Amino acid sequence: MELDIYSLGNAIVDVQFGVKDEFKKYLEEMSISFGTMTLIERKEQKNLINLLKSKYGEPMLACGGSATNSIFASSSFGSKCHLTCKVRNDNMGNFYLRNLKSNNILHNKSALDEYSELPTGQSVIMVTPDAERTMCTFLGISNTLNKSDLDKEVLKRSKYLFIEGYLVTSPSSLSACQEAIKIATANNTKVAISLSDPNIAAIFRAELKSLIEIKCDLLFCNELEALSFSQTKSLKEGEDYLKSLSSSTLITLHEKGCILLNNDSRKKIQGLKTKAIDTNGAGDMFAGAVLHSVIEENNLHKAALFGCYAASKKVENFGPRLSKKQYKEIKETFL
């Protein structure tokens, strides 16, 4: 069977809390940067969850992970998707794989690990009243994803390979990504990569660049990630640098829309007015919508318009995803 999108990503269960602005002081005390993703240890995460529960009650649980959120959107819009990931045979891991199956997303045969002592990864997501999200992630068993987990024959029959930038934090996952891009290149499968987070783009810049330099047909990032990865404070300089690496690049600008860099052209695409309550998953929704649109043979300009529209609907809702009915409505009302 031919697939539309073969993706690699960290299988992360989102543990999401709505918090008050006053909680920012706790983040500062823990040396956690507001509005970004920070990797933390398991014990630290448990303590943070207990603190949040004592202040804000029980969290909302969802199957997250950047690539997963994106292909969940793509699949809901009608694309055939596959996720290569790693979970533990525990409650969270089984919850995760059941969720993929119920949403028609295939996964690698080795996704469920019976023997590892590491648990399924979790990300504590704190959303403040301004709709900004701060993430504290313990990767758990996701950190062990490696080349042997690749379903190579499935990848060879896919139109797009999509890789989330978070994977470069693990040497074995980075190696799996490099191998996947080489397989994609040899089989005329297009490659899309997301920078994922400003901290990742800065700290793991060399690792991300090692992927992009093999092949990158479409690069996703937001403005902060673009500046961080390009090592500049000038967006114009950042754009020039990204154009030298990727065939096409989409830089999201939150409510202001996005910038499309394609060959020698630059287009600014206007955003849509919306009442944002939660930006968690907005960039993932944008990427998933764009990938679905280009697979349906739309040009990148129209795909970016669809991405902006879909993301504007996502931020009006709490949590990383929408209902199946909402995805259907987004596609119908845009087209």
C-alpha atoms as a PDB file:
ATOM      1  CA  MET A   1       0.000   0.000   0.000  1.00  0.00           C
ATOM      2  CA  GLU A   2       1.290   3.457  -0.891  1.00  0.00           C
ATOM      3  CA  LEU A   3       1.333   5.941   1.978  1.00  0.00           C
ATOM      4  CA  ASP A   4       1.130   9.713   1.971  1.00  0.00           C
ATOM      5  CA  ILE A   5       3.235  10.530   5.045  1.00  0.00           C
ATOM      6  CA  TYR A   6       5.812   8.421   6.867  1.00  0.00           C
ATOM      7  CA  SER A   7       6.771  10.235  10.064  1.00  0.00           C
ATOM      8  CA  LEU A   8       9.310   9.838  12.843  1.00  0.00           C
ATOM      9  CA  GLY A   9       8.555  11.330  16.235  1.00  0.00           C
ATOM     10  CA  ASN A  10       8.723  11.063  19.994  1.00  0.00           C
ATOM     11  CA  ALA A  11       5.641   9.303  21.346  1.00  0.00           C
ATOM     12  CA  ILE A  12       4.756  11.624  24.208  1.00  0.00           C
ATOM     13  CA  VAL A  13       1.634  11.682  26.360  1.00  0.00           C
ATOM     14  CA  ASP A  14       0.683  15.301  27.055  1.00  0.00           C
ATOM     15  CA  VAL A  15      -0.223  16.097  30.664  1.00  0.00           C
ATOM     16  CA  GLN A  16      -1.799  19.519  30.228  1.00  0.00           C
ATOM     17  CA  PHE A  17      -2.742  22.113  32.832  1.00  0.00           C
ATOM     18  CA  GLY A  18      -4.288  25.551  32.516  1.00  0.00           C
ATOM     19  CA  VAL A  19      -2.283  27.742  34.913  1.00  0.00           C
ATOM     20  CA  LYS A  20      -2.402  31.332  36.161  1.00  0.00           C
ATOM     21  CA  ASP A  21       0.248  33.941  35.378  1.00  0.00           C
ATOM     22  CA  GLU A  22       1.546  33.658  38.937  1.00  0.00           C
ATOM     23  CA  PHE A  23       2.884  30.198  38.091  1.00  0.00           C
ATOM     24  CA  LYS A  24       5.591  31.814  35.966  1.00  0.00           C
ATOM     25  CA  LYS A  25       7.565  32.535  39.149  1.00  0.00           C
ATOM     26  CA  TYR A  26       7.728  28.797  39.878  1.00  0.00           C
ATOM     27  CA  LEU A  27       9.080  28.216  36.388  1.00  0.00           C
ATOM     28  CA  GLU A  28      11.777  30.832  36.988  1.00  0.00           C
ATOM     29  CA  GLU A  29      12.734  29.168  40.277  1.00  0.00           C
ATOM     30  CA  MET A  30      13.135  25.868  38.410  1.00  0.00           C
ATOM     31  CA  SER A  31      15.205  27.565  35.658  1.00  0.00           C
ATOM     32  CA  ILE A  32      12.556  26.696  33.068  1.00  0.00           C
ATOM     33  CA  SER A  33      12.256  29.089  30.121  1.00  0.00           C
ATOM     34  CA  PHE A  34       8.713  30.358  29.612  1.00  0.00           C
ATOM     35  CA  GLY A  35       7.177  29.534  26.233  1.00  0.00           C
ATOM     36  CA  THR A  36       9.673  26.818  25.266  1.00  0.00           C
ATOM     37  CA  MET A  37      10.322  23.105  25.778  1.00  0.00           C
ATOM     38  CA  THR A  38      12.754  21.984  28.486  1.00  0.00           C
ATOM     39  CA  LEU A  39      13.975  18.403  28.937  1.00  0.00           C
ATOM     40  CA  ILE A  40      13.782  17.324  32.584  1.00  0.00           C
ATOM     41  CA  GLU A  41      14.371  14.147  34.583  1.00  0.00           C
ATOM     42  CA  ARG A  42      11.615  11.783  35.650  1.00  0.00           C
ATOM     43  CA  LYS A  43      11.737  12.748  39.346  1.00  0.00           C
ATOM     44  CA  GLU A  44      11.619  16.463  38.514  1.00  0.00           C
ATOM     45  CA  GLN A  45       8.600  15.871  36.305  1.00  0.00           C
ATOM     46  CA  LYS A  46       6.766  13.903  39.005  1.00  0.00           C
ATOM     47  CA  ASN A  47       7.347  16.708  41.507  1.00  0.00           C
ATOM     48  CA  LEU A  48       6.114  19.279  38.998  1.00  0.00           C
ATOM     49  CA  ILE A  49       2.954  17.277  38.258  1.00  0.00           C
ATOM     50  CA  ASN A  50       2.204  16.957  41.988  1.00  0.00           C
ATOM     51  CA  LEU A  51       2.664  20.708  42.453  1.00  0.00           C
ATOM     52  CA  LEU A  52       0.385  21.495  39.519  1.00  0.00           C
ATOM     53  CA  LYS A  53      -2.290  19.060  40.715  1.00  0.00           C
ATOM     54  CA  SER A  54      -2.279  20.683  44.158  1.00  0.00           C
ATOM     55  CA  LYS A  55      -2.906  24.087  42.591  1.00  0.00           C
ATOM     56  CA  TYR A  56      -5.033  23.374  39.516  1.00  0.00           C
ATOM     57  CA  GLY A  57      -6.556  19.915  39.887  1.00  0.00           C
ATOM     58  CA  GLU A  58      -6.373  16.981  37.500  1.00  0.00           C
ATOM     59  CA  PRO A  59      -4.753  17.497  34.079  1.00  0.00           C
ATOM     60  CA  MET A  60      -6.068  16.779  30.608  1.00  0.00           C
ATOM     61  CA  LEU A  61      -4.300  13.776  29.038  1.00  0.00           C
ATOM     62  CA  ALA A  62      -3.736  13.488  25.289  1.00  0.00           C
ATOM     63  CA  CYS A  63      -1.478  11.566  22.939  1.00  0.00           C
ATOM     64  CA  GLY A  64       0.989  14.225  21.930  1.00  0.00           C
ATOM     65  CA  GLY A  65       4.382  14.569  20.373  1.00  0.00           C
ATOM     66  CA  SER A  66       5.009  17.071  17.607  1.00  0.00           C
ATOM     67  CA  ALA A  67       5.014  14.698  14.633  1.00  0.00           C
ATOM     68  CA  THR A  68       2.036  12.794  16.029  1.00  0.00           C
ATOM     69  CA  ASN A  69      -0.010  15.976  16.355  1.00  0.00           C
ATOM     70  CA  SER A  70       0.851  16.872  12.763  1.00  0.00           C
ATOM     71  CA  ILE A  71      -0.038  13.536  11.212  1.00  0.00           C
ATOM     72  CA  PHE A  72      -3.156  13.322  13.368  1.00  0.00           C
ATOM     73  CA  ALA A  73      -4.254  16.463  11.533  1.00  0.00           C
ATOM     74  CA  SER A  74      -3.121  15.129   8.138  1.00  0.00           C
ATOM     75  CA  SER A  75      -4.920  11.832   8.743  1.00  0.00           C
ATOM     76  CA  SER A  76      -8.082  13.608   9.889  1.00  0.00           C
ATOM     77  CA  PHE A  77      -8.024  15.655   6.681  1.00  0.00           C
ATOM     78  CA  GLY A  78      -7.756  12.427   4.642  1.00  0.00           C
ATOM     79  CA  SER A  79      -4.065  11.517   4.247  1.00  0.00           C
ATOM     80  CA  LYS A  80      -2.720   7.985   4.830  1.00  0.00           C
ATOM     81  CA  CYS A  81      -0.132   8.246   7.608  1.00  0.00           C
ATOM     82  CA  HIS A  82       2.427   6.139   9.480  1.00  0.00           C
ATOM     83  CA  LEU A  83       4.336   6.932  12.686  1.00  0.00           C
ATOM     84  CA  THR A  84       7.611   5.335  13.725  1.00  0.00           C
ATOM     85  CA  CYS A  85       7.870   5.734  17.486  1.00  0.00           C
ATOM     86  CA  LYS A  86       8.663   3.970  20.763  1.00  0.00           C
ATOM     87  CA  VAL A  87       6.438   3.375  23.815  1.00  0.00           C
ATOM     88  CA  ARG A  88       6.649   1.126  26.872  1.00  0.00           C
ATOM     89  CA  ASN A  89       4.176  -1.680  27.461  1.00  0.00           C
ATOM     90  CA  ASP A  90       2.534   0.342  30.247  1.00  0.00           C
ATOM     91  CA  ASN A  91      -0.801   2.124  30.647  1.00  0.00           C
ATOM     92  CA  MET A  92       0.379   5.261  28.868  1.00  0.00           C
ATOM     93  CA  GLY A  93       2.019   3.320  26.034  1.00  0.00           C
ATOM     94  CA  ASN A  94      -1.031   1.188  25.334  1.00  0.00           C
ATOM     95  CA  PHE A  95      -3.244   4.274  25.556  1.00  0.00           C
ATOM     96  CA  TYR A  96      -1.003   5.895  22.949  1.00  0.00           C
ATOM     97  CA  LEU A  97      -1.080   3.044  20.423  1.00  0.00           C
ATOM     98  CA  ARG A  98      -4.844   2.587  20.810  1.00  0.00           C
ATOM     99  CA  ASN A  99      -5.249   6.267  20.002  1.00  0.00           C
ATOM    100  CA  LEU A 100      -3.160   5.929  16.837  1.00  0.00           C
ATOM    101  CA  LYS A 101      -5.215   2.935  15.706  1.00  0.00           C
ATOM    102  CA  SER A 102      -8.547   4.629  16.383  1.00  0.00           C
ATOM    103  CA  ASN A 103      -7.426   7.495  14.165  1.00  0.00           C
ATOM    104  CA  ASN A 104      -6.252   5.290  11.277  1.00  0.00           C
ATOM    105  CA  ILE A 105      -2.542   5.990  11.837  1.00  0.00           C
ATOM    106  CA  LEU A 106      -0.238   3.030  11.246  1.00  0.00           C
ATOM    107  CA  HIS A 107       2.856   2.459  13.389  1.00  0.00           C
ATOM    108  CA  ASN A 108       6.052   0.404  13.326  1.00  0.00           C
ATOM    109  CA  LYS A 109       5.901  -3.202  14.541  1.00  0.00           C
ATOM    110  CA  SER A 110       8.570  -2.505  17.165  1.00  0.00           C
ATOM    111  CA  ALA A 111       6.727   0.471  18.691  1.00  0.00           C
ATOM    112  CA  LEU A 112       5.714  -1.400  21.872  1.00  0.00           C
ATOM    113  CA  ASP A 113       8.728  -2.352  24.020  1.00  0.00           C
ATOM    114  CA  GLU A 114       8.051  -5.200  26.445  1.00  0.00           C
ATOM    115  CA  TYR A 115      11.356  -5.163  28.294  1.00  0.00           C
ATOM    116  CA  SER A 116      12.665  -1.645  28.866  1.00  0.00           C
ATOM    117  CA  GLU A 117      12.539  -0.205  32.375  1.00  0.00           C
ATOM    118  CA  LEU A 118      12.023   3.262  30.902  1.00  0.00           C
ATOM    119  CA  PRO A 119       8.387   4.434  30.878  1.00  0.00           C
ATOM    120  CA  THR A 120       6.459   5.968  28.010  1.00  0.00           C
ATOM    121  CA  GLY A 121       7.471   9.615  27.557  1.00  0.00           C
ATOM    122  CA  GLN A 122       5.391  12.405  29.031  1.00  0.00           C
ATOM    123  CA  SER A 123       5.318  16.172  28.595  1.00  0.00           C
ATOM    124  CA  VAL A 124       3.886  18.479  31.242  1.00  0.00           C
ATOM    125  CA  ILE A 125       2.283  21.365  29.359  1.00  0.00           C
ATOM    126  CA  MET A 126       1.363  24.544  31.216  1.00  0.00           C
ATOM    127  CA  VAL A 127      -0.884  27.005  29.395  1.00  0.00           C
ATOM    128  CA  THR A 128      -1.119  30.565  30.746  1.00  0.00           C
ATOM    129  CA  PRO A 129      -4.069  32.967  30.182  1.00  0.00           C
ATOM    130  CA  ASP A 130      -2.235  34.569  27.236  1.00  0.00           C
ATOM    131  CA  ALA A 131      -2.529  31.144  25.486  1.00  0.00           C
ATOM    132  CA  GLU A 132       1.251  30.580  25.588  1.00  0.00           C
ATOM    133  CA  ARG A 133       2.445  27.077  26.445  1.00  0.00           C
ATOM    134  CA  THR A 134       5.532  25.965  28.360  1.00  0.00           C
ATOM    135  CA  MET A 135       6.580  22.313  28.180  1.00  0.00           C
ATOM    136  CA  CYS A 136       8.657  20.148  30.522  1.00  0.00           C
ATOM    137  CA  THR A 137       9.365  16.817  28.860  1.00  0.00           C
ATOM    138  CA  PHE A 138      10.758  13.509  30.053  1.00  0.00           C
ATOM    139  CA  LEU A 139      11.392  11.478  26.907  1.00  0.00           C
ATOM    140  CA  GLY A 140      11.504   8.102  28.637  1.00  0.00           C
ATOM    141  CA  ILE A 141      11.665   5.214  26.199  1.00  0.00           C
ATOM    142  CA  SER A 142      11.285   7.572  23.208  1.00  0.00           C
ATOM    143  CA  ASN A 143      14.963   8.338  23.698  1.00  0.00           C
ATOM    144  CA  THR A 144      15.816   4.790  22.548  1.00  0.00           C
ATOM    145  CA  LEU A 145      14.263   5.022  19.056  1.00  0.00           C
ATOM    146  CA  ASN A 146      16.854   3.710  16.592  1.00  0.00           C
ATOM    147  CA  LYS A 147      17.480   2.577  13.005  1.00  0.00           C
ATOM    148  CA  SER A 148      16.098  -0.909  13.640  1.00  0.00           C
ATOM    149  CA  ASP A 149      12.673   0.629  14.307  1.00  0.00           C
ATOM    150  CA  LEU A 150      12.380   1.928  10.745  1.00  0.00           C
ATOM    151  CA  ASP A 151       9.846   0.199   8.486  1.00  0.00           C
ATOM    152  CA  LYS A 152      12.031   0.651   5.432  1.00  0.00           C
ATOM    153  CA  GLU A 153       9.688  -0.902   2.880  1.00  0.00           C
ATOM    154  CA  VAL A 154       6.833   1.304   4.086  1.00  0.00           C
ATOM    155  CA  LEU A 155       9.054   4.385   3.872  1.00  0.00           C
ATOM    156  CA  LYS A 156      10.063   3.516   0.309  1.00  0.00           C
ATOM    157  CA  ARG A 157       6.387   3.588  -0.716  1.00  0.00           C
ATOM    158  CA  SER A 158       5.610   6.934   0.922  1.00  0.00           C
ATOM    159  CA  LYS A 159       5.216  10.315  -0.763  1.00  0.00           C
ATOM    160  CA  TYR A 160       6.661  12.310   2.144  1.00  0.00           C
ATOM    161  CA  LEU A 161       8.984  11.639   5.061  1.00  0.00           C
ATOM    162  CA  PHE A 162       8.268  13.990   7.981  1.00  0.00           C
ATOM    163  CA  ILE A 163      10.724  14.352  10.878  1.00  0.00           C
ATOM    164  CA  GLU A 164      10.274  16.373  14.059  1.00  0.00           C
ATOM    165  CA  GLY A 165      13.343  18.243  15.260  1.00  0.00           C
ATOM    166  CA  TYR A 166      12.975  17.008  18.833  1.00  0.00           C
ATOM    167  CA  LEU A 167      14.455  13.656  17.751  1.00  0.00           C
ATOM    168  CA  VAL A 168      17.963  15.089  17.396  1.00  0.00           C
ATOM    169  CA  THR A 169      18.436  15.165  21.185  1.00  0.00           C
ATOM    170  CA  SER A 170      19.135  11.411  21.183  1.00  0.00           C
ATOM    171  CA  PRO A 171      22.123   9.965  19.258  1.00  0.00           C
ATOM    172  CA  SER A 172      20.193   6.802  18.340  1.00  0.00           C
ATOM    173  CA  SER A 173      17.140   8.761  17.164  1.00  0.00           C
ATOM    174  CA  LEU A 174      19.365  11.134  15.191  1.00  0.00           C
ATOM    175  CA  SER A 175      20.963   8.150  13.479  1.00  0.00           C
ATOM    176  CA  ALA A 176      17.507   6.768  12.643  1.00  0.00           C
ATOM    177  CA  CYS A 177      16.532  10.108  11.101  1.00  0.00           C
ATOM    178  CA  GLN A 178      19.698  10.251   9.007  1.00  0.00           C
ATOM    179  CA  GLU A 179      19.084   6.717   7.753  1.00  0.00           C
ATOM    180  CA  ALA A 180      15.444   7.510   6.959  1.00  0.00           C
ATOM    181  CA  ILE A 181      16.412  10.565   4.893  1.00  0.00           C
ATOM    182  CA  LYS A 182      18.927   8.497   2.921  1.00  0.00           C
ATOM    183  CA  ILE A 183      16.245   5.889   2.173  1.00  0.00           C
ATOM    184  CA  ALA A 184      13.802   8.634   1.181  1.00  0.00           C
ATOM    185  CA  THR A 185      16.371  10.240  -1.109  1.00  0.00           C
ATOM    186  CA  ALA A 186      17.081   6.934  -2.856  1.00  0.00           C
ATOM    187  CA  ASN A 187      13.366   6.344  -3.457  1.00  0.00           C
ATOM    188  CA  ASN A 188      12.218   9.819  -4.572  1.00  0.00           C
ATOM    189  CA  THR A 189      10.327  10.364  -1.325  1.00  0.00           C
ATOM    190  CA  LYS A 190      10.199  14.044  -0.417  1.00  0.00           C
ATOM    191  CA  VAL A 191      11.561  15.133   2.967  1.00  0.00           C
ATOM    192  CA  ALA A 192       9.968  17.613   5.392  1.00  0.00           C
ATOM    193  CA  ILE A 193      11.648  18.588   8.659  1.00  0.00           C
ATOM    194  CA  SER A 194      10.478  20.717  11.585  1.00  0.00           C
ATOM    195  CA  LEU A 195      12.902  22.661  13.805  1.00  0.00           C
ATOM    196  CA  SER A 196      10.385  22.134  16.641  1.00  0.00           C
ATOM    197  CA  ASP A 197      11.635  24.520  19.359  1.00  0.00           C
ATOM    198  CA  PRO A 198      13.999  27.510  19.815  1.00  0.00           C
ATOM    199  CA  ASN A 199      16.044  25.697  22.463  1.00  0.00           C
ATOM    200  CA  ILE A 200      16.411  22.630  20.235  1.00  0.00           C
ATOM    201  CA  ALA A 201      17.357  24.825  17.269  1.00  0.00           C
ATOM    202  CA  ALA A 202      20.107  26.486  19.330  1.00  0.00           C
ATOM    203  CA  ILE A 203      21.533  23.641  21.410  1.00  0.00           C
ATOM    204  CA  PHE A 204      21.268  20.924  18.756  1.00  0.00           C
ATOM    205  CA  ARG A 205      21.932  23.137  15.750  1.00  0.00           C
ATOM    206  CA  ALA A 206      24.703  20.912  14.341  1.00  0.00           C
ATOM    207  CA  GLU A 207      22.529  17.809  14.614  1.00  0.00           C
ATOM    208  CA  LEU A 208      19.593  19.476  12.874  1.00  0.00           C
ATOM    209  CA  LYS A 209      21.865  20.806  10.165  1.00  0.00           C
ATOM    210  CA  SER A 210      23.248  17.292   9.581  1.00  0.00           C
ATOM    211  CA  LEU A 211      19.714  16.177   8.664  1.00  0.00           C
ATOM    212  CA  ILE A 212      18.829  19.162   6.506  1.00  0.00           C
ATOM    213  CA  GLU A 213      22.082  18.908   4.559  1.00  0.00           C
ATOM    214  CA  ILE A 214      21.295  15.327   3.485  1.00  0.00           C
ATOM    215  CA  LYS A 215      18.002  16.456   1.972  1.00  0.00           C
ATOM    216  CA  CYS A 216      15.193  18.846   2.886  1.00  0.00           C
ATOM    217  CA  ASP A 217      12.405  19.701   0.469  1.00  0.00           C
ATOM    218  CA  LEU A 218      10.298  21.549   3.035  1.00  0.00           C
ATOM    219  CA  LEU A 219      11.425  23.086   6.328  1.00  0.00           C
ATOM    220  CA  PHE A 220       8.965  24.169   9.037  1.00  0.00           C
ATOM    221  CA  CYS A 221       9.832  26.640  11.802  1.00  0.00           C
ATOM    222  CA  ASN A 222       8.489  29.633  13.661  1.00  0.00           C
ATOM    223  CA  GLU A 223      10.211  33.011  13.840  1.00  0.00           C
ATOM    224  CA  LEU A 224      12.091  32.302  17.083  1.00  0.00           C
ATOM    225  CA  GLU A 225      13.296  28.940  15.786  1.00  0.00           C
ATOM    226  CA  ALA A 226      14.446  30.533  12.532  1.00  0.00           C
ATOM    227  CA  LEU A 227      16.473  33.174  14.383  1.00  0.00           C
ATOM    228  CA  SER A 228      17.884  30.665  16.851  1.00  0.00           C
ATOM    229  CA  PHE A 229      18.934  28.181  14.181  1.00  0.00           C
ATOM    230  CA  SER A 230      20.365  30.905  11.933  1.00  0.00           C
ATOM    231  CA  GLN A 231      22.265  32.479  14.853  1.00  0.00           C
ATOM    232  CA  THR A 232      21.022  35.980  14.108  1.00  0.00           C
ATOM    233  CA  LYS A 233      18.620  38.611  15.428  1.00  0.00           C
ATOM    234  CA  SER A 234      17.675  39.667  11.896  1.00  0.00           C
ATOM    235  CA  LEU A 235      14.799  37.780  10.294  1.00  0.00           C
ATOM    236  CA  LYS A 236      16.059  38.811   6.844  1.00  0.00           C
ATOM    237  CA  GLU A 237      19.442  37.210   7.576  1.00  0.00           C
ATOM    238  CA  GLY A 238      17.655  34.164   8.949  1.00  0.00           C
ATOM    239  CA  GLU A 239      15.583  33.840   5.797  1.00  0.00           C
ATOM    240  CA  ASP A 240      18.673  34.051   3.603  1.00  0.00           C
ATOM    241  CA  TYR A 241      20.377  31.350   5.637  1.00  0.00           C
ATOM    242  CA  LEU A 242      17.401  28.982   5.547  1.00  0.00           C
ATOM    243  CA  LYS A 243      16.990  29.483   1.796  1.00  0.00           C
ATOM    244  CA  SER A 244      20.554  28.229   1.353  1.00  0.00           C
ATOM    245  CA  LEU A 245      19.689  24.948   3.100  1.00  0.00           C
ATOM    246  CA  SER A 246      16.167  23.931   2.115  1.00  0.00           C
ATOM    247  CA  SER A 247      14.312  23.905  -1.214  1.00  0.00           C
ATOM    248  CA  SER A 248      11.301  25.522   0.486  1.00  0.00           C
ATOM    249  CA  THR A 249      10.780  26.963   3.962  1.00  0.00           C
ATOM    250  CA  LEU A 250       7.693  28.059   5.888  1.00  0.00           C
ATOM    251  CA  ILE A 251       8.250  30.405   8.830  1.00  0.00           C
ATOM    252  CA  THR A 252       5.155  30.838  10.997  1.00  0.00           C
ATOM    253  CA  LEU A 253       4.504  34.191  12.687  1.00  0.00           C
ATOM    254  CA  HIS A 254       1.720  33.274  15.131  1.00  0.00           C
ATOM    255  CA  GLU A 255      -1.394  35.384  14.408  1.00  0.00           C
ATOM    256  CA  LYS A 256       0.468  37.329  11.708  1.00  0.00           C
ATOM    257  CA  GLY A 257       0.486  34.357   9.312  1.00  0.00           C
ATOM    258  CA  CYS A 258       3.651  32.975   7.748  1.00  0.00           C
ATOM    259  CA  ILE A 259       6.482  33.590   5.308  1.00  0.00           C
ATOM    260  CA  LEU A 260       6.928  31.262   2.347  1.00  0.00           C
ATOM    261  CA  LEU A 261      10.452  30.974   0.963  1.00  0.00           C
ATOM    262  CA  ASN A 262      10.459  29.044  -2.286  1.00  0.00           C
ATOM    263  CA  ASN A 263      13.508  29.056  -4.564  1.00  0.00           C
ATOM    264  CA  ASP A 264      14.267  32.771  -5.009  1.00  0.00           C
ATOM    265  CA  SER A 265      10.788  33.997  -4.070  1.00  0.00           C
ATOM    266  CA  ARG A 266       9.413  35.303  -0.772  1.00  0.00           C
ATOM    267  CA  LYS A 267       5.713  35.581  -0.013  1.00  0.00           C
ATOM    268  CA  LYS A 268       4.072  36.911   3.134  1.00  0.00           C
ATOM    269  CA  ILE A 269       0.803  35.149   3.885  1.00  0.00           C
ATOM    270  CA  GLN A 270      -1.580  36.982   6.208  1.00  0.00           C
ATOM    271  CA  GLY A 271      -2.878  35.306   9.330  1.00  0.00           C
ATOM    272  CA  LEU A 272      -6.477  35.242  10.502  1.00  0.00           C
ATOM    273  CA  LYS A 273      -8.022  37.030  13.459  1.00  0.00           C
ATOM    274  CA  THR A 274      -8.906  34.603  16.206  1.00  0.00           C
ATOM    275  CA  LYS A 275      -9.443  34.427  19.964  1.00  0.00           C
ATOM    276  CA  ALA A 276      -6.590  32.215  21.110  1.00  0.00           C
ATOM    277  CA  ILE A 277      -6.902  30.268  24.360  1.00  0.00           C
ATOM    278  CA  ASP A 278      -4.150  27.669  23.817  1.00  0.00           C
ATOM    279  CA  THR A 279      -1.274  27.762  21.312  1.00  0.00           C
ATOM    280  CA  ASN A 280      -0.132  24.217  22.160  1.00  0.00           C
ATOM    281  CA  GLY A 281      -0.098  22.224  18.918  1.00  0.00           C
ATOM    282  CA  ALA A 282      -0.689  25.217  16.630  1.00  0.00           C
ATOM    283  CA  GLY A 283       2.587  24.764  14.750  1.00  0.00           C
ATOM    284  CA  ASP A 284       1.948  21.035  14.528  1.00  0.00           C
ATOM    285  CA  MET A 285      -1.506  21.662  13.093  1.00  0.00           C
ATOM    286  CA  PHE A 286      -0.002  24.074  10.568  1.00  0.00           C
ATOM    287  CA  ALA A 287       2.541  21.474   9.397  1.00  0.00           C
ATOM    288  CA  GLY A 288      -0.047  18.691   9.211  1.00  0.00           C
ATOM    289  CA  ALA A 289      -2.438  20.833   7.191  1.00  0.00           C
ATOM    290  CA  VAL A 290       0.306  21.971   4.807  1.00  0.00           C
ATOM    291  CA  LEU A 291       1.540  18.422   4.208  1.00  0.00           C
ATOM    292  CA  HIS A 292      -1.977  17.181   3.523  1.00  0.00           C
ATOM    293  CA  SER A 293      -2.563  20.020   1.086  1.00  0.00           C
ATOM    294  CA  VAL A 294       0.644  19.524  -0.923  1.00  0.00           C
ATOM    295  CA  ILE A 295      -0.041  15.790  -1.097  1.00  0.00           C
ATOM    296  CA  GLU A 296      -3.382  16.700  -2.677  1.00  0.00           C
ATOM    297  CA  GLU A 297      -1.261  18.474  -5.318  1.00  0.00           C
ATOM    298  CA  ASN A 298      -1.904  22.038  -4.217  1.00  0.00           C
ATOM    299  CA  ASN A 299       0.936  24.528  -4.547  1.00  0.00           C
ATOM    300  CA  LEU A 300       2.765  25.686  -1.424  1.00  0.00           C
ATOM    301  CA  HIS A 301       1.006  29.048  -1.381  1.00  0.00           C
ATOM    302  CA  LYS A 302      -2.431  27.467  -1.159  1.00  0.00           C
ATOM    303  CA  ALA A 303      -1.100  24.854   1.284  1.00  0.00           C
ATOM    304  CA  ALA A 304       0.236  27.612   3.546  1.00  0.00           C
ATOM    305  CA  LEU A 305      -3.123  29.403   3.441  1.00  0.00           C
ATOM    306  CA  PHE A 306      -4.787  26.171   4.547  1.00  0.00           C
ATOM    307  CA  GLY A 307      -2.161  25.744   7.278  1.00  0.00           C
ATOM    308  CA  CYS A 308      -2.815  29.237   8.645  1.00  0.00           C
ATOM    309  CA  TYR A 309      -6.569  28.656   8.565  1.00  0.00           C
ATOM    310  CA  ALA A 310      -6.309  25.296  10.354  1.00  0.00           C
ATOM    311  CA  ALA A 311      -3.926  26.678  13.004  1.00  0.00           C
ATOM    312  CA  SER A 312      -6.275  29.613  13.670  1.00  0.00           C
ATOM    313  CA  LYS A 313      -9.030  27.126  14.492  1.00  0.00           C
ATOM    314  CA  LYS A 314      -6.745  25.011  16.680  1.00  0.00           C
ATOM    315  CA  VAL A 315      -5.781  27.880  19.020  1.00  0.00           C
ATOM    316  CA  GLU A 316      -9.454  28.522  19.798  1.00  0.00           C
ATOM    317  CA  ASN A 317      -9.515  25.173  21.635  1.00  0.00           C
ATOM    318  CA  PHE A 318      -7.707  23.770  24.689  1.00  0.00           C
ATOM    319  CA  GLY A 319      -5.419  20.816  24.031  1.00  0.00           C
ATOM    320  CA  PRO A 320      -3.110  19.805  21.159  1.00  0.00           C
ATOM    321  CA  ARG A 321      -5.843  18.518  18.854  1.00  0.00           C
ATOM    322  CA  LEU A 322      -9.424  18.899  17.738  1.00  0.00           C
ATOM    323  CA  SER A 323     -12.307  16.476  17.327  1.00  0.00           C
ATOM    324  CA  LYS A 324     -12.789  14.561  14.075  1.00  0.00           C
ATOM    325  CA  LYS A 325     -15.866  16.672  13.404  1.00  0.00           C
ATOM    326  CA  GLN A 326     -13.835  19.877  13.749  1.00  0.00           C
ATOM    327  CA  TYR A 327     -11.145  18.687  11.315  1.00  0.00           C
ATOM    328  CA  LYS A 328     -13.855  17.855   8.799  1.00  0.00           C
ATOM    329  CA  GLU A 329     -15.421  21.293   9.230  1.00  0.00           C
ATOM    330  CA  ILE A 330     -12.043  23.009   8.749  1.00  0.00           C
ATOM    331  CA  LYS A 331     -11.476  21.274   5.431  1.00  0.00           C
ATOM    332  CA  GLU A 332     -15.015  21.866   4.213  1.00  0.00           C
ATOM    333  CA  THR A 333     -15.144  25.547   5.181  1.00  0.00           C
ATOM    334  CA  PHE A 334     -11.697  26.302   3.721  1.00  0.00           C
ATOM    335  CA  LEU A 335     -12.352  24.588   0.392  1.00  0.00           C
END
